[in-house]
Amino acid sequence: MTARAAKLEAAASVGRPVQLLSLLALGDCLAEAGDKDRLAVLRSQPALIRGTRRAP
């Protein structure tokens, strides 16, 4: 386990908020058209509905 993963796991296990960032390539990737459509719908929802909170 990397140090970054250990810190993330420790924060999550004590109930501290964590923020996960991801990078998505929509050009040449393994995602299908339906996957891209679902991502757009998910991203259009308010953060609280997605189960996330904004960092203070």
C-alpha atoms as a PDB file:
ATOM      1  CA  MET A   1       0.000   0.000   0.000  1.00  0.00           C
ATOM      2  CA  THR A   2       1.302   3.423  -0.892  1.00  0.00           C
ATOM      3  CA  ALA A   3       1.570   6.221   1.659  1.00  0.00           C
ATOM      4  CA  ARG A   4      -1.196   8.108  -0.143  1.00  0.00           C
ATOM      5  CA  ALA A   5      -3.522   5.099  -0.005  1.00  0.00           C
ATOM      6  CA  ALA A   6      -2.746   4.610   3.691  1.00  0.00           C
ATOM      7  CA  LYS A   7      -3.627   8.245   4.449  1.00  0.00           C
ATOM      8  CA  LEU A   8      -6.864   7.948   2.486  1.00  0.00           C
ATOM      9  CA  GLU A   9      -7.831   4.753   4.297  1.00  0.00           C
ATOM     10  CA  ALA A  10      -6.987   6.267   7.692  1.00  0.00           C
ATOM     11  CA  ALA A  11      -9.077   9.376   7.030  1.00  0.00           C
ATOM     12  CA  ALA A  12     -12.045   7.337   5.826  1.00  0.00           C
ATOM     13  CA  SER A  13     -11.883   4.900   8.736  1.00  0.00           C
ATOM     14  CA  VAL A  14     -12.209   7.690  11.326  1.00  0.00           C
ATOM     15  CA  GLY A  15     -15.020   9.395   9.436  1.00  0.00           C
ATOM     16  CA  ARG A  16     -13.045  12.338   8.098  1.00  0.00           C
ATOM     17  CA  PRO A  17     -14.187  13.635   4.718  1.00  0.00           C
ATOM     18  CA  VAL A  18     -12.045  12.584   1.790  1.00  0.00           C
ATOM     19  CA  GLN A  19     -12.013  13.962  -1.723  1.00  0.00           C
ATOM     20  CA  LEU A  20     -11.312  11.725  -4.680  1.00  0.00           C
ATOM     21  CA  LEU A  21     -10.363  13.316  -7.944  1.00  0.00           C
ATOM     22  CA  SER A  22     -10.303  11.446 -11.205  1.00  0.00           C
ATOM     23  CA  LEU A  23      -9.282  12.192 -14.744  1.00  0.00           C
ATOM     24  CA  LEU A  24     -11.371  10.800 -17.575  1.00  0.00           C
ATOM     25  CA  ALA A  25     -10.421  10.657 -21.226  1.00  0.00           C
ATOM     26  CA  LEU A  26     -13.487  10.646 -23.451  1.00  0.00           C
ATOM     27  CA  GLY A  27     -11.594  10.156 -26.686  1.00  0.00           C
ATOM     28  CA  ASP A  28      -9.789   6.848 -27.094  1.00  0.00           C
ATOM     29  CA  CYS A  29     -10.897   4.847 -24.062  1.00  0.00           C
ATOM     30  CA  LEU A  30     -12.604   1.585 -23.149  1.00  0.00           C
ATOM     31  CA  ALA A  31     -15.832   3.279 -22.049  1.00  0.00           C
ATOM     32  CA  GLU A  32     -18.892   2.700 -24.177  1.00  0.00           C
ATOM     33  CA  ALA A  33     -21.335   5.428 -25.201  1.00  0.00           C
ATOM     34  CA  GLY A  34     -23.746   4.442 -22.407  1.00  0.00           C
ATOM     35  CA  ASP A  35     -20.977   4.788 -19.829  1.00  0.00           C
ATOM     36  CA  LYS A  36     -20.234   8.323 -20.992  1.00  0.00           C
ATOM     37  CA  ASP A  37     -23.944   9.212 -20.887  1.00  0.00           C
ATOM     38  CA  ARG A  38     -24.290   7.899 -17.318  1.00  0.00           C
ATOM     39  CA  LEU A  39     -21.260   9.912 -16.262  1.00  0.00           C
ATOM     40  CA  ALA A  40     -22.787  13.088 -17.670  1.00  0.00           C
ATOM     41  CA  VAL A  41     -26.023  12.442 -15.745  1.00  0.00           C
ATOM     42  CA  LEU A  42     -24.113  11.741 -12.530  1.00  0.00           C
ATOM     43  CA  ARG A  43     -21.967  14.860 -12.860  1.00  0.00           C
ATOM     44  CA  SER A  44     -25.060  17.010 -13.432  1.00  0.00           C
ATOM     45  CA  GLN A  45     -26.526  16.032 -10.036  1.00  0.00           C
ATOM     46  CA  PRO A  46     -25.866  18.174  -6.974  1.00  0.00           C
ATOM     47  CA  ALA A  47     -23.000  16.865  -4.837  1.00  0.00           C
ATOM     48  CA  LEU A  48     -25.250  15.902  -1.920  1.00  0.00           C
ATOM     49  CA  ILE A  49     -27.409  13.678  -4.124  1.00  0.00           C
ATOM     50  CA  ARG A  50     -24.279  11.912  -5.384  1.00  0.00           C
ATOM     51  CA  GLY A  51     -23.301  11.210  -1.787  1.00  0.00           C
ATOM     52  CA  THR A  52     -20.437  13.669  -1.744  1.00  0.00           C
ATOM     53  CA  ARG A  53     -19.757  16.812   0.194  1.00  0.00           C
ATOM     54  CA  ARG A  54     -17.746  19.809  -0.862  1.00  0.00           C
ATOM     55  CA  ALA A  55     -14.503  20.372   0.989  1.00  0.00           C
ATOM     56  CA  PRO A  56     -14.690  23.345   3.380  1.00  0.00           C
END
